[in-house]
Amino acid sequence: MTVVRDFEGLCALVTGGASGIGAAVTRQLLTRGARVAVLDRDLAGTPDGALGVTADVTDDAAVGAAVDRAAAEFGALHTVVSNAGIGAVGTVADNPDDEWRRVLDINVLGMVRVARHALPHLRAAAAARPGCVSLTHTCSIAATAGLPQRALYSASKGAVLSLTLAMAADHVREGIRVNCVNPGTADTPWIGRLLDQADDPAAERAALEARQPTGRLVAADEVAAAIAYLASPAAAAVTGTALAVDGGMQGLRLRPAT
C-alpha cells in the first residue's frame, strides 16, 4: 500500500501521545511525514521517531514550557492534537466534588492550557502555510449521547464539544481550524482497566460491543485516522466539525436482531 506523505514539512504536537489513541495518532502522523512531539506525563510508550516532552496538562507552566520546546525544536508548530484525558464512572451521586474538579481540570482545562500556549505558534505557522494549521480535540460520543454511569465523563466531553465550536469561531479568520473527533467505545488501555474491574469482564466487553451497531469496539487506529484527516491539508475547508467514529452508535437506530 502506498503511504501518503501529506504531512511532509509539517510539525505536530500530540498530548497523551504515549499510549492508546494518542500513540496511534503519533504513529500515523510520523508515517505520513510529520515531525511529531509527544506531550505526556509518562513517555515510556512514545512511538519511535517522536520527540518526547514531559508535562502534566494540569500544570500550566509545564505545558507552556513543553509547547515552546517542541516549537523551538521543530522551528514551527502547524497542528496540535489535544488528546490527553481520563475517564470517570458513575452517576452524579457517585463522585465527590474533588473528583469532578480533577476530571474537568484534566479533560477540559488541560485542553485550554495546551491551546493557550500553542496559539502564538499556530498563528505564526498559519501566516506561512495557509490551510495547514489546525487544532483537533479528542472528544467522545458521550458528548452527544446519554450513556449510563458516565455523568462526570459526559459533562467533561460535552464541554470539549462546546469548546471546539467556540474556538473554531474565534480562530477561523486567523487561519486556524478547530475540530474534534467523537469516538465510541474504543479498545484502549483505559477500557481494558475498566473491564478488569468488572465482576464479569467478558460479559462487560460483550455489552460494550453490543451497544455499537457494528458489534465491536472501535480500534485506536480508526480514531487516529479520523484525527489525521481533520489535521491534514485535505481538510482545509473543515472547521467547527465533530466527526463521530462510533460504529454507528450516535446516528443509527437498528431493530433488534431476530
C-alpha atoms as a PDB file:
ATOM      1  CA  MET A   1       0.000   0.000   0.000  1.00  0.00           C
ATOM      2  CA  THR A   2       1.334   3.439  -0.931  1.00  0.00           C
ATOM      3  CA  VAL A   3       1.803   5.726   2.073  1.00  0.00           C
ATOM      4  CA  VAL A   4       0.576   9.283   1.530  1.00  0.00           C
ATOM      5  CA  ARG A   5       3.127  11.797   2.807  1.00  0.00           C
ATOM      6  CA  ASP A   6       0.621  14.633   3.182  1.00  0.00           C
ATOM      7  CA  PHE A   7       2.215  15.908   6.398  1.00  0.00           C
ATOM      8  CA  GLU A   8       5.645  16.359   4.830  1.00  0.00           C
ATOM      9  CA  GLY A   9       7.197  19.550   6.201  1.00  0.00           C
ATOM     10  CA  LEU A  10       4.564  19.925   8.930  1.00  0.00           C
ATOM     11  CA  CYS A  11       5.192  19.812  12.679  1.00  0.00           C
ATOM     12  CA  ALA A  12       2.707  18.422  15.196  1.00  0.00           C
ATOM     13  CA  LEU A  13       2.200  18.157  18.939  1.00  0.00           C
ATOM     14  CA  VAL A  14       0.106  15.290  20.377  1.00  0.00           C
ATOM     15  CA  THR A  15      -0.879  15.364  24.039  1.00  0.00           C
ATOM     16  CA  GLY A  16      -1.324  11.989  25.702  1.00  0.00           C
ATOM     17  CA  GLY A  17       0.642  10.665  22.740  1.00  0.00           C
ATOM     18  CA  ALA A  18       2.483   7.863  24.521  1.00  0.00           C
ATOM     19  CA  SER A  19      -0.436   5.422  24.766  1.00  0.00           C
ATOM     20  CA  GLY A  20      -3.823   4.473  23.336  1.00  0.00           C
ATOM     21  CA  ILE A  21      -5.379   6.783  20.765  1.00  0.00           C
ATOM     22  CA  GLY A  22      -2.619   9.363  21.203  1.00  0.00           C
ATOM     23  CA  ALA A  23       0.105   6.869  20.336  1.00  0.00           C
ATOM     24  CA  ALA A  24      -1.883   5.710  17.308  1.00  0.00           C
ATOM     25  CA  VAL A  25      -2.194   9.337  16.143  1.00  0.00           C
ATOM     26  CA  THR A  26       1.534   9.878  16.652  1.00  0.00           C
ATOM     27  CA  ARG A  27       2.415   6.823  14.569  1.00  0.00           C
ATOM     28  CA  GLN A  28       0.095   7.866  11.749  1.00  0.00           C
ATOM     29  CA  LEU A  29       1.457  11.401  11.608  1.00  0.00           C
ATOM     30  CA  LEU A  30       5.044  10.153  11.612  1.00  0.00           C
ATOM     31  CA  THR A  31       4.291   7.689   8.822  1.00  0.00           C
ATOM     32  CA  ARG A  32       2.692  10.478   6.802  1.00  0.00           C
ATOM     33  CA  GLY A  33       5.743  12.703   7.040  1.00  0.00           C
ATOM     34  CA  ALA A  34       5.181  14.946  10.068  1.00  0.00           C
ATOM     35  CA  ARG A  35       7.691  15.759  12.747  1.00  0.00           C
ATOM     36  CA  VAL A  36       5.842  14.935  15.970  1.00  0.00           C
ATOM     37  CA  ALA A  37       6.310  15.885  19.605  1.00  0.00           C
ATOM     38  CA  VAL A  38       4.524  13.863  22.276  1.00  0.00           C
ATOM     39  CA  LEU A  39       3.477  15.666  25.445  1.00  0.00           C
ATOM     40  CA  ASP A  40       2.740  13.180  28.210  1.00  0.00           C
ATOM     41  CA  ARG A  41       3.302  12.577  31.915  1.00  0.00           C
ATOM     42  CA  ASP A  42       4.891   9.202  31.182  1.00  0.00           C
ATOM     43  CA  LEU A  43       6.845   8.950  27.940  1.00  0.00           C
ATOM     44  CA  ALA A  44       7.567   5.212  28.195  1.00  0.00           C
ATOM     45  CA  GLY A  45       5.298   4.301  25.288  1.00  0.00           C
ATOM     46  CA  THR A  46       6.283   7.156  22.981  1.00  0.00           C
ATOM     47  CA  PRO A  47       6.478   5.853  19.388  1.00  0.00           C
ATOM     48  CA  ASP A  48       9.935   5.716  17.827  1.00  0.00           C
ATOM     49  CA  GLY A  49      10.797   8.853  15.926  1.00  0.00           C
ATOM     50  CA  ALA A  50       8.766  11.256  18.061  1.00  0.00           C
ATOM     51  CA  LEU A  51      10.201  13.915  20.343  1.00  0.00           C
ATOM     52  CA  GLY A  52       9.091  13.286  23.927  1.00  0.00           C
ATOM     53  CA  VAL A  53       8.378  16.246  26.207  1.00  0.00           C
ATOM     54  CA  THR A  54       7.256  15.595  29.758  1.00  0.00           C
ATOM     55  CA  ALA A  55       4.361  17.622  31.141  1.00  0.00           C
ATOM     56  CA  ASP A  56       1.132  17.224  33.074  1.00  0.00           C
ATOM     57  CA  VAL A  57      -1.729  19.113  31.416  1.00  0.00           C
ATOM     58  CA  THR A  58      -2.880  20.323  34.855  1.00  0.00           C
ATOM     59  CA  ASP A  59       0.387  22.292  35.228  1.00  0.00           C
ATOM     60  CA  ASP A  60       0.163  25.467  33.160  1.00  0.00           C
ATOM     61  CA  ALA A  61       3.853  26.333  33.429  1.00  0.00           C
ATOM     62  CA  ALA A  62       4.919  22.818  32.436  1.00  0.00           C
ATOM     63  CA  VAL A  63       2.534  22.843  29.465  1.00  0.00           C
ATOM     64  CA  GLY A  64       3.886  26.181  28.298  1.00  0.00           C
ATOM     65  CA  ALA A  65       7.489  25.006  28.566  1.00  0.00           C
ATOM     66  CA  ALA A  66       6.704  21.765  26.695  1.00  0.00           C
ATOM     67  CA  VAL A  67       4.840  23.507  23.863  1.00  0.00           C
ATOM     68  CA  ASP A  68       7.593  26.089  23.478  1.00  0.00           C
ATOM     69  CA  ARG A  69      10.261  23.390  23.472  1.00  0.00           C
ATOM     70  CA  ALA A  70       8.513  21.465  20.695  1.00  0.00           C
ATOM     71  CA  ALA A  71       8.080  24.602  18.601  1.00  0.00           C
ATOM     72  CA  ALA A  72      11.709  25.597  19.143  1.00  0.00           C
ATOM     73  CA  GLU A  73      12.976  22.110  18.283  1.00  0.00           C
ATOM     74  CA  PHE A  74      10.970  21.965  15.053  1.00  0.00           C
ATOM     75  CA  GLY A  75      11.076  25.650  14.146  1.00  0.00           C
ATOM     76  CA  ALA A  76       7.288  25.761  13.774  1.00  0.00           C
ATOM     77  CA  LEU A  77       4.071  24.193  15.013  1.00  0.00           C
ATOM     78  CA  HIS A  78       1.342  23.507  12.452  1.00  0.00           C
ATOM     79  CA  THR A  79      -1.042  21.139  14.182  1.00  0.00           C
ATOM     80  CA  VAL A  80      -1.966  20.253  17.750  1.00  0.00           C
ATOM     81  CA  VAL A  81      -3.878  17.120  18.689  1.00  0.00           C
ATOM     82  CA  SER A  82      -5.224  17.667  22.202  1.00  0.00           C
ATOM     83  CA  ASN A  83      -5.876  14.098  23.268  1.00  0.00           C
ATOM     84  CA  ALA A  84      -4.843  13.814  26.924  1.00  0.00           C
ATOM     85  CA  GLY A  85      -7.760  12.894  29.164  1.00  0.00           C
ATOM     86  CA  ILE A  86      -9.107  10.473  31.736  1.00  0.00           C
ATOM     87  CA  GLY A  87     -12.313   8.529  32.230  1.00  0.00           C
ATOM     88  CA  ALA A  88     -14.836   8.545  35.048  1.00  0.00           C
ATOM     89  CA  VAL A  89     -17.596   6.135  36.044  1.00  0.00           C
ATOM     90  CA  GLY A  90     -20.803   6.765  37.963  1.00  0.00           C
ATOM     91  CA  THR A  91     -23.953   8.851  38.294  1.00  0.00           C
ATOM     92  CA  VAL A  92     -23.898  12.414  39.595  1.00  0.00           C
ATOM     93  CA  ALA A  93     -24.183  10.998  43.115  1.00  0.00           C
ATOM     94  CA  ASP A  94     -21.175   8.689  42.847  1.00  0.00           C
ATOM     95  CA  ASN A  95     -18.279  11.150  42.564  1.00  0.00           C
ATOM     96  CA  PRO A  96     -17.391  13.818  45.156  1.00  0.00           C
ATOM     97  CA  ASP A  97     -16.630  17.426  44.235  1.00  0.00           C
ATOM     98  CA  ASP A  98     -12.882  16.806  44.286  1.00  0.00           C
ATOM     99  CA  GLU A  99     -13.210  14.118  41.594  1.00  0.00           C
ATOM    100  CA  TRP A 100     -15.366  16.423  39.464  1.00  0.00           C
ATOM    101  CA  ARG A 101     -12.710  19.108  39.762  1.00  0.00           C
ATOM    102  CA  ARG A 102      -9.926  16.650  38.905  1.00  0.00           C
ATOM    103  CA  VAL A 103     -11.596  15.267  35.785  1.00  0.00           C
ATOM    104  CA  LEU A 104     -12.677  18.683  34.492  1.00  0.00           C
ATOM    105  CA  ASP A 105      -9.188  20.043  35.197  1.00  0.00           C
ATOM    106  CA  ILE A 106      -7.628  17.352  33.011  1.00  0.00           C
ATOM    107  CA  ASN A 107     -10.257  16.859  30.308  1.00  0.00           C
ATOM    108  CA  VAL A 108     -11.303  20.478  29.762  1.00  0.00           C
ATOM    109  CA  LEU A 109      -8.823  22.893  31.305  1.00  0.00           C
ATOM    110  CA  GLY A 110      -5.981  20.684  30.091  1.00  0.00           C
ATOM    111  CA  MET A 111      -7.075  21.405  26.517  1.00  0.00           C
ATOM    112  CA  VAL A 112      -7.456  25.097  27.324  1.00  0.00           C
ATOM    113  CA  ARG A 113      -3.895  25.279  28.637  1.00  0.00           C
ATOM    114  CA  VAL A 114      -2.453  23.495  25.620  1.00  0.00           C
ATOM    115  CA  ALA A 115      -4.350  25.739  23.197  1.00  0.00           C
ATOM    116  CA  ARG A 116      -3.445  28.904  25.072  1.00  0.00           C
ATOM    117  CA  HIS A 117       0.266  28.191  24.764  1.00  0.00           C
ATOM    118  CA  ALA A 118       0.075  26.769  21.247  1.00  0.00           C
ATOM    119  CA  LEU A 119      -1.907  29.615  19.674  1.00  0.00           C
ATOM    120  CA  PRO A 120       1.015  32.038  19.159  1.00  0.00           C
ATOM    121  CA  HIS A 121       2.935  29.301  17.329  1.00  0.00           C
ATOM    122  CA  LEU A 122      -0.115  28.281  15.298  1.00  0.00           C
ATOM    123  CA  ARG A 123      -0.795  31.875  14.275  1.00  0.00           C
ATOM    124  CA  ALA A 124       2.771  32.240  13.041  1.00  0.00           C
ATOM    125  CA  ALA A 125       2.508  28.975  11.102  1.00  0.00           C
ATOM    126  CA  ALA A 126      -0.842  29.958   9.564  1.00  0.00           C
ATOM    127  CA  ALA A 127       0.709  33.054   8.045  1.00  0.00           C
ATOM    128  CA  ALA A 128       3.366  30.930   6.346  1.00  0.00           C
ATOM    129  CA  ARG A 129       1.319  27.821   5.457  1.00  0.00           C
ATOM    130  CA  PRO A 130      -2.359  28.711   4.850  1.00  0.00           C
ATOM    131  CA  GLY A 131      -4.717  25.748   5.163  1.00  0.00           C
ATOM    132  CA  CYS A 132      -2.183  23.619   7.030  1.00  0.00           C
ATOM    133  CA  VAL A 133      -2.783  24.785  10.594  1.00  0.00           C
ATOM    134  CA  SER A 134      -5.223  23.040  12.911  1.00  0.00           C
ATOM    135  CA  LEU A 135      -6.119  22.056  16.430  1.00  0.00           C
ATOM    136  CA  THR A 136      -8.035  18.811  16.928  1.00  0.00           C
ATOM    137  CA  HIS A 137      -9.615  17.673  20.201  1.00  0.00           C
ATOM    138  CA  THR A 138     -10.337  14.098  21.196  1.00  0.00           C
ATOM    139  CA  CYS A 139     -13.925  14.365  22.403  1.00  0.00           C
ATOM    140  CA  SER A 140     -16.374  11.442  22.793  1.00  0.00           C
ATOM    141  CA  ILE A 141     -19.733  10.108  21.741  1.00  0.00           C
ATOM    142  CA  ALA A 142     -20.580  10.773  25.406  1.00  0.00           C
ATOM    143  CA  ALA A 143     -20.880  14.455  24.441  1.00  0.00           C
ATOM    144  CA  THR A 144     -23.919  13.770  22.262  1.00  0.00           C
ATOM    145  CA  ALA A 145     -25.467  10.516  23.538  1.00  0.00           C
ATOM    146  CA  GLY A 146     -26.745   9.785  27.026  1.00  0.00           C
ATOM    147  CA  LEU A 147     -24.707   6.893  28.434  1.00  0.00           C
ATOM    148  CA  PRO A 148     -25.447   5.251  31.791  1.00  0.00           C
ATOM    149  CA  GLN A 149     -22.888   5.601  34.582  1.00  0.00           C
ATOM    150  CA  ARG A 150     -20.938   8.330  32.754  1.00  0.00           C
ATOM    151  CA  ALA A 151     -22.308  11.598  34.218  1.00  0.00           C
ATOM    152  CA  LEU A 152     -18.960  13.204  35.037  1.00  0.00           C
ATOM    153  CA  TYR A 153     -17.202  11.958  31.926  1.00  0.00           C
ATOM    154  CA  SER A 154     -20.089  13.057  29.697  1.00  0.00           C
ATOM    155  CA  ALA A 155     -20.147  16.516  31.281  1.00  0.00           C
ATOM    156  CA  SER A 156     -16.448  16.939  30.593  1.00  0.00           C
ATOM    157  CA  LYS A 157     -16.759  15.838  26.973  1.00  0.00           C
ATOM    158  CA  GLY A 158     -19.844  17.982  26.429  1.00  0.00           C
ATOM    159  CA  ALA A 159     -17.678  20.909  27.482  1.00  0.00           C
ATOM    160  CA  VAL A 160     -14.992  19.811  24.992  1.00  0.00           C
ATOM    161  CA  LEU A 161     -17.547  19.798  22.168  1.00  0.00           C
ATOM    162  CA  SER A 162     -18.733  23.309  23.035  1.00  0.00           C
ATOM    163  CA  LEU A 163     -15.146  24.478  23.451  1.00  0.00           C
ATOM    164  CA  THR A 164     -14.338  23.142  19.979  1.00  0.00           C
ATOM    165  CA  LEU A 165     -17.164  25.086  18.350  1.00  0.00           C
ATOM    166  CA  ALA A 166     -16.338  28.304  20.211  1.00  0.00           C
ATOM    167  CA  MET A 167     -12.640  28.062  19.367  1.00  0.00           C
ATOM    168  CA  ALA A 168     -13.420  27.360  15.722  1.00  0.00           C
ATOM    169  CA  ALA A 169     -15.403  30.617  15.595  1.00  0.00           C
ATOM    170  CA  ASP A 170     -12.700  32.556  17.422  1.00  0.00           C
ATOM    171  CA  HIS A 171      -9.804  31.472  15.245  1.00  0.00           C
ATOM    172  CA  VAL A 172     -11.178  30.786  11.746  1.00  0.00           C
ATOM    173  CA  ARG A 173     -10.089  34.221  10.489  1.00  0.00           C
ATOM    174  CA  GLU A 174      -6.601  33.582  11.815  1.00  0.00           C
ATOM    175  CA  GLY A 175      -6.306  30.553   9.564  1.00  0.00           C
ATOM    176  CA  ILE A 176      -6.543  28.055  12.428  1.00  0.00           C
ATOM    177  CA  ARG A 177      -9.062  25.245  12.041  1.00  0.00           C
ATOM    178  CA  VAL A 178     -10.522  23.648  15.193  1.00  0.00           C
ATOM    179  CA  ASN A 179     -12.372  20.315  15.120  1.00  0.00           C
ATOM    180  CA  CYS A 180     -12.975  17.296  17.316  1.00  0.00           C
ATOM    181  CA  VAL A 181     -13.392  13.561  16.928  1.00  0.00           C
ATOM    182  CA  ASN A 182     -16.081  11.721  18.899  1.00  0.00           C
ATOM    183  CA  PRO A 183     -15.016   8.092  19.374  1.00  0.00           C
ATOM    184  CA  GLY A 184     -17.434   5.450  20.518  1.00  0.00           C
ATOM    185  CA  THR A 185     -16.128   2.870  22.975  1.00  0.00           C
ATOM    186  CA  ALA A 186     -12.563   2.366  21.807  1.00  0.00           C
ATOM    187  CA  ASP A 187     -10.291  -0.555  22.559  1.00  0.00           C
ATOM    188  CA  THR A 188      -7.772   1.383  24.664  1.00  0.00           C
ATOM    189  CA  PRO A 189      -5.824   0.758  27.902  1.00  0.00           C
ATOM    190  CA  TRP A 190      -8.446   2.715  29.874  1.00  0.00           C
ATOM    191  CA  ILE A 191     -11.251   0.446  28.670  1.00  0.00           C
ATOM    192  CA  GLY A 192      -9.012  -2.525  29.464  1.00  0.00           C
ATOM    193  CA  ARG A 193      -8.629  -1.334  33.054  1.00  0.00           C
ATOM    194  CA  LEU A 194     -12.379  -0.726  33.288  1.00  0.00           C
ATOM    195  CA  LEU A 195     -13.082  -4.267  32.104  1.00  0.00           C
ATOM    196  CA  ASP A 196     -10.569  -5.691  34.579  1.00  0.00           C
ATOM    197  CA  GLN A 197     -12.571  -4.121  37.423  1.00  0.00           C
ATOM    198  CA  ALA A 198     -15.872  -5.668  36.297  1.00  0.00           C
ATOM    199  CA  ASP A 199     -17.345  -8.708  38.061  1.00  0.00           C
ATOM    200  CA  ASP A 200     -17.508 -10.474  34.694  1.00  0.00           C
ATOM    201  CA  PRO A 201     -15.027  -8.830  32.258  1.00  0.00           C
ATOM    202  CA  ALA A 202     -16.112 -10.993  29.315  1.00  0.00           C
ATOM    203  CA  ALA A 203     -19.780 -10.128  29.801  1.00  0.00           C
ATOM    204  CA  GLU A 204     -18.963  -6.432  30.218  1.00  0.00           C
ATOM    205  CA  ARG A 205     -16.914  -6.419  26.997  1.00  0.00           C
ATOM    206  CA  ALA A 206     -19.776  -8.136  25.163  1.00  0.00           C
ATOM    207  CA  ALA A 207     -22.202  -5.493  26.433  1.00  0.00           C
ATOM    208  CA  LEU A 208     -19.942  -2.656  25.284  1.00  0.00           C
ATOM    209  CA  GLU A 209     -19.542  -4.258  21.877  1.00  0.00           C
ATOM    210  CA  ALA A 210     -23.274  -4.878  21.505  1.00  0.00           C
ATOM    211  CA  ARG A 211     -24.271  -1.239  22.069  1.00  0.00           C
ATOM    212  CA  GLN A 212     -22.353  -0.221  18.924  1.00  0.00           C
ATOM    213  CA  PRO A 213     -24.241  -1.204  15.763  1.00  0.00           C
ATOM    214  CA  THR A 214     -21.077  -2.651  14.206  1.00  0.00           C
ATOM    215  CA  GLY A 215     -20.966  -5.106  17.122  1.00  0.00           C
ATOM    216  CA  ARG A 216     -17.375  -4.383  18.099  1.00  0.00           C
ATOM    217  CA  LEU A 217     -15.215  -1.824  19.859  1.00  0.00           C
ATOM    218  CA  VAL A 218     -13.630   0.952  17.816  1.00  0.00           C
ATOM    219  CA  ALA A 219      -9.913   0.468  17.133  1.00  0.00           C
ATOM    220  CA  ALA A 220      -7.486   3.194  18.208  1.00  0.00           C
ATOM    221  CA  ASP A 221      -6.092   3.319  14.659  1.00  0.00           C
ATOM    222  CA  GLU A 222      -9.577   4.070  13.315  1.00  0.00           C
ATOM    223  CA  VAL A 223      -9.909   7.071  15.610  1.00  0.00           C
ATOM    224  CA  ALA A 224      -6.373   8.140  14.720  1.00  0.00           C
ATOM    225  CA  ALA A 225      -7.200   8.055  11.013  1.00  0.00           C
ATOM    226  CA  ALA A 226     -10.111  10.447  11.569  1.00  0.00           C
ATOM    227  CA  ILE A 227      -7.955  12.789  13.639  1.00  0.00           C
ATOM    228  CA  ALA A 228      -5.229  12.715  11.000  1.00  0.00           C
ATOM    229  CA  TYR A 229      -7.766  13.616   8.310  1.00  0.00           C
ATOM    230  CA  LEU A 230      -9.047  16.615  10.263  1.00  0.00           C
ATOM    231  CA  ALA A 231      -5.477  17.752  10.910  1.00  0.00           C
ATOM    232  CA  SER A 232      -4.373  17.274   7.312  1.00  0.00           C
ATOM    233  CA  PRO A 233      -4.268  19.799   4.454  1.00  0.00           C
ATOM    234  CA  ALA A 234      -7.013  17.733   2.796  1.00  0.00           C
ATOM    235  CA  ALA A 235      -9.417  19.120   5.419  1.00  0.00           C
ATOM    236  CA  ALA A 236      -8.520  22.752   4.725  1.00  0.00           C
ATOM    237  CA  ALA A 237     -12.231  23.636   4.433  1.00  0.00           C
ATOM    238  CA  VAL A 238     -13.269  21.756   7.584  1.00  0.00           C
ATOM    239  CA  THR A 239     -13.630  23.617  10.871  1.00  0.00           C
ATOM    240  CA  GLY A 240     -16.128  23.537  13.731  1.00  0.00           C
ATOM    241  CA  THR A 241     -16.874  19.895  12.968  1.00  0.00           C
ATOM    242  CA  ALA A 242     -17.383  16.920  15.304  1.00  0.00           C
ATOM    243  CA  LEU A 243     -16.580  13.686  13.459  1.00  0.00           C
ATOM    244  CA  ALA A 244     -18.097  10.578  15.069  1.00  0.00           C
ATOM    245  CA  VAL A 245     -16.075   7.360  14.898  1.00  0.00           C
ATOM    246  CA  ASP A 246     -18.501   5.253  16.873  1.00  0.00           C
ATOM    247  CA  GLY A 247     -19.612   2.250  14.831  1.00  0.00           C
ATOM    248  CA  GLY A 248     -22.939   3.985  14.171  1.00  0.00           C
ATOM    249  CA  MET A 249     -23.770   4.404  17.856  1.00  0.00           C
ATOM    250  CA  GLN A 250     -24.945   8.010  17.628  1.00  0.00           C
ATOM    251  CA  GLY A 251     -26.878   8.029  14.381  1.00  0.00           C
ATOM    252  CA  LEU A 252     -28.286   4.538  13.840  1.00  0.00           C
ATOM    253  CA  ARG A 253     -31.421   3.036  15.383  1.00  0.00           C
ATOM    254  CA  LEU A 254     -31.475  -0.638  14.405  1.00  0.00           C
ATOM    255  CA  ARG A 255     -34.284  -3.057  15.016  1.00  0.00           C
ATOM    256  CA  PRO A 256     -33.427  -5.860  17.438  1.00  0.00           C
ATOM    257  CA  ALA A 257     -31.714  -8.773  15.706  1.00  0.00           C
ATOM    258  CA  THR A 258     -34.066 -11.656  15.003  1.00  0.00           C
END
